[in-house]
Amino acid sequence: MNNELENWEMRRNISSFVLSEEEVDAIINRASHAVVSWVTKSNQPVTAVMLYTVIDGIITVTSTTNRAKYRAWKRNPSTSFCIWDPQNIGKQITLRGTINILKDDELLRKYTESFLTRAMKGKQPSEERIEKELATFLAPDRYMMQLNIEKTLSHNLDLLMQKERELRKKTDAS
C-alpha cells in the first residue's frame, strides 16, 4: 500500500497545517486588526476590518448604535474574527463565537489605553493623551463588544509550502 500523498492531496487536506496554541496566542496579542463578520436581517453575510485590543485576555472592539454591526450583533451575536500575523499573512486564525455587548466606560478607557500603547510601540501614553483620545470615543451611545470564543481554527501556509517543496524534491529525485 502506498502511503505517499498525491500532489493535490496536501492542499485538499490542510488540517495538519495549523498553528500551535502558543503561535495563536502570540498572533492575537501582536496583531491589531481583524476581519469581523455579522449577518443582516435578511441573512446576508457582511464583513469589515476592525481595530481590536485584548483586554484581560478577551478580544475587545467598540461601536456606536448607529453602526450595522452593533444592530446585527444585538439581534444575533454570532460572529467570526479572522486575524493574521502582521509579519506573515500566511499565518491566519479564525475565531468563531458570540459577541457580548456592554456599556462600560472603564472598559473603553482600557481599550483606548491599550491601542494607544500598541500604536506607540509599547510606550505608555500620558493621561493627557488618553483623555484626548477618549474625547473622540465618548459618544453617549458607545458600546464595548467582547468576543466569547467557541472555536479556533488556524492555518500555517508556511508549513504547507515547506511540505509541498519537500514533496516536489522527492518527486523530482524519483
Protein backbone atom coordinates (compact mmCIF):
# COMPACT_ATOMS: atom_id res chain seq x y z
CA MET A 1 0.00 0.00 0.00
CA ASN A 2 1.35 3.40 -0.97
CA ASN A 3 1.33 5.93 1.90
CA GLU A 4 2.62 8.75 -0.28
CA LEU A 5 0.30 11.69 -0.86
CA GLU A 6 -0.76 12.65 -4.34
CA ASN A 7 0.42 16.18 -5.16
CA TRP A 8 -3.10 17.62 -4.88
CA GLU A 9 -3.93 15.91 -1.59
CA MET A 10 -1.77 18.18 0.54
CA ARG A 11 -3.81 21.27 -0.34
CA ARG A 12 -7.07 19.39 -0.08
CA ASN A 13 -6.34 18.04 3.42
CA ILE A 14 -4.91 21.06 5.22
CA SER A 15 -5.92 20.05 8.75
CA SER A 16 -2.32 19.25 9.74
CA PHE A 17 -1.07 22.69 8.69
CA VAL A 18 -2.15 24.57 11.79
CA LEU A 19 -0.51 26.94 14.24
CA SER A 20 0.40 25.89 17.77
CA GLU A 21 -1.63 27.32 20.66
CA GLU A 22 1.37 29.48 21.56
CA GLU A 23 1.56 30.86 18.00
CA VAL A 24 -2.19 31.56 18.01
CA ASP A 25 -1.94 33.47 21.30
CA ALA A 26 1.14 35.40 20.14
CA ILE A 27 -0.51 36.47 16.88
CA ILE A 28 -3.75 37.51 18.60
CA ASN A 29 -1.77 39.63 21.05
CA ARG A 30 0.55 41.08 18.37
CA ALA A 31 -1.99 41.90 15.66
CA SER A 32 -4.20 44.97 15.75
CA HIS A 33 -6.94 44.33 13.21
CA ALA A 34 -9.39 41.57 12.39
CA VAL A 35 -11.89 40.93 9.64
CA VAL A 36 -15.13 40.55 11.58
CA SER A 37 -18.46 39.19 10.40
CA TRP A 38 -22.14 39.51 11.12
CA VAL A 39 -25.40 38.64 9.39
CA THR A 40 -28.07 41.09 8.22
CA LYS A 41 -31.79 40.73 8.98
CA SER A 42 -32.16 39.01 5.60
CA ASN A 43 -29.32 36.56 6.43
CA GLN A 44 -26.77 38.22 4.16
CA PRO A 45 -23.16 37.94 5.37
CA VAL A 46 -21.17 41.11 5.99
CA THR A 47 -17.51 41.63 6.92
CA ALA A 48 -15.41 44.61 7.90
CA VAL A 49 -11.90 45.24 9.14
CA MET A 50 -11.88 46.42 12.75
CA LEU A 51 -9.28 47.54 15.23
CA TYR A 52 -9.28 45.35 18.33
CA THR A 53 -7.39 45.03 21.57
CA VAL A 54 -7.01 42.20 24.03
CA ILE A 55 -8.17 43.25 27.49
CA ASP A 56 -7.85 40.79 30.37
CA GLY A 57 -7.40 38.03 27.78
CA ILE A 58 -10.57 38.92 25.83
CA ILE A 59 -10.70 40.33 22.30
CA THR A 60 -12.50 43.68 22.55
CA VAL A 61 -13.93 46.06 19.95
CA THR A 62 -16.17 49.11 20.18
CA SER A 63 -19.02 50.66 18.22
CA THR A 64 -21.90 53.09 18.42
CA THR A 65 -25.53 52.07 17.99
CA ASN A 66 -25.84 53.61 14.51
CA ARG A 67 -23.48 51.01 13.01
CA ALA A 68 -24.73 47.93 11.20
CA LYS A 69 -22.53 45.58 13.22
CA TYR A 70 -23.98 46.84 16.52
CA ARG A 71 -27.57 46.31 15.37
CA ALA A 72 -26.74 42.93 13.84
CA TRP A 73 -24.85 41.65 16.89
CA LYS A 74 -27.64 42.91 19.16
CA ARG A 75 -30.09 40.82 17.11
CA ASN A 76 -27.75 37.82 16.56
CA PRO A 77 -24.42 37.79 18.43
CA SER A 78 -22.86 35.07 16.25
CA THR A 79 -19.63 36.18 14.60
CA SER A 80 -16.22 35.20 13.34
CA PHE A 81 -12.98 37.13 13.57
CA CYS A 82 -10.16 36.44 11.11
CA ILE A 83 -6.79 37.58 12.41
CA TRP A 84 -3.47 37.29 10.59
CA ASP A 85 0.13 37.63 11.66
CA PRO A 86 1.15 41.22 10.83
CA GLN A 87 4.53 39.94 9.63
CA ASN A 88 3.19 36.94 7.69
CA ILE A 89 -0.36 36.87 6.30
CA GLY A 90 0.08 33.13 5.65
CA LYS A 91 -0.41 32.56 9.37
CA GLN A 92 -4.11 33.06 9.95
CA ILE A 93 -6.59 32.43 12.73
CA THR A 94 -10.37 32.27 12.53
CA LEU A 95 -12.21 32.63 15.82
CA ARG A 96 -15.89 31.73 15.89
CA GLY A 97 -18.14 32.70 18.75
CA THR A 98 -20.57 35.26 20.07
CA ILE A 99 -20.33 38.92 20.98
CA ASN A 100 -21.15 40.21 24.43
CA ILE A 101 -22.27 43.88 24.27
CA LEU A 102 -21.55 46.09 27.29
CA LYS A 103 -21.97 49.74 28.24
CA ASP A 104 -18.74 50.15 30.20
CA ASP A 105 -16.72 53.38 30.33
CA GLU A 106 -13.87 51.73 32.27
CA LEU A 107 -13.54 49.08 29.58
CA LEU A 108 -13.48 51.85 26.95
CA ARG A 109 -10.64 53.52 28.90
CA LYS A 110 -8.68 50.24 28.98
CA TYR A 111 -9.36 49.72 25.26
CA THR A 112 -8.13 53.24 24.44
CA GLU A 113 -5.02 52.92 26.59
CA SER A 114 -4.28 49.50 25.09
CA PHE A 115 -4.44 50.54 21.44
CA LEU A 116 -2.51 53.77 22.14
CA THR A 117 0.22 51.78 23.90
CA ARG A 118 0.45 49.42 20.91
CA ALA A 119 0.50 52.36 18.46
CA MET A 120 3.30 53.93 20.50
CA LYS A 121 5.33 50.67 20.27
CA GLY A 122 4.81 49.74 23.92
CA LYS A 123 5.34 53.19 25.41
CA GLN A 124 2.66 54.10 27.94
CA PRO A 125 0.60 57.13 26.77
CA SER A 126 0.28 60.09 29.10
CA GLU A 127 -3.01 60.64 30.91
CA GLU A 128 -3.50 63.76 28.77
CA ARG A 129 -3.10 61.71 25.57
CA ILE A 130 -5.57 59.08 26.81
CA GLU A 131 -8.10 61.80 27.69
CA LYS A 132 -7.76 63.41 24.24
CA GLU A 133 -8.37 60.06 22.55
CA LEU A 134 -11.27 59.24 24.86
CA ALA A 135 -12.91 62.53 23.90
CA THR A 136 -13.23 61.17 20.35
CA PHE A 137 -14.89 57.98 21.59
CA LEU A 138 -17.22 59.15 24.34
CA ALA A 139 -20.44 59.22 22.32
CA PRO A 140 -23.46 58.59 24.58
CA ASP A 141 -24.34 55.51 22.52
CA ARG A 142 -20.83 53.96 22.53
CA TYR A 143 -20.74 50.29 23.49
CA MET A 144 -17.99 47.78 24.02
CA MET A 145 -18.12 44.32 22.49
CA GLN A 146 -16.15 41.31 23.64
CA LEU A 147 -15.70 38.04 21.78
CA ASN A 148 -16.64 34.81 23.54
CA ILE A 149 -14.56 32.31 21.54
CA GLU A 150 -16.25 28.98 20.90
CA LYS A 151 -13.96 27.57 18.20
CA THR A 152 -10.45 28.40 16.99
CA LEU A 153 -9.21 27.43 13.54
CA SER A 154 -5.77 28.27 12.21
CA HIS A 155 -3.70 27.84 9.08
CA ASN A 156 0.05 27.86 8.61
CA LEU A 157 0.72 28.43 4.92
CA ASP A 158 4.49 28.38 5.53
CA LEU A 159 4.30 24.80 6.77
CA LEU A 160 2.10 23.76 3.84
CA MET A 161 4.52 25.33 1.33
CA GLN A 162 7.50 23.67 3.04
CA LYS A 163 5.85 20.24 2.78
CA GLU A 164 4.99 20.88 -0.88
CA ARG A 165 8.63 21.80 -1.62
CA GLU A 166 9.76 18.59 0.08
CA LEU A 167 7.25 16.57 -1.96
CA ARG A 168 8.43 18.20 -5.20
CA LYS A 169 12.07 17.43 -4.39
CA LYS A 170 11.14 13.83 -3.63
CA THR A 171 9.17 13.58 -6.90
CA ASP A 172 11.99 15.23 -8.91
CA ALA A 173 14.53 12.81 -7.42
CA SER A 174 12.45 9.78 -8.47
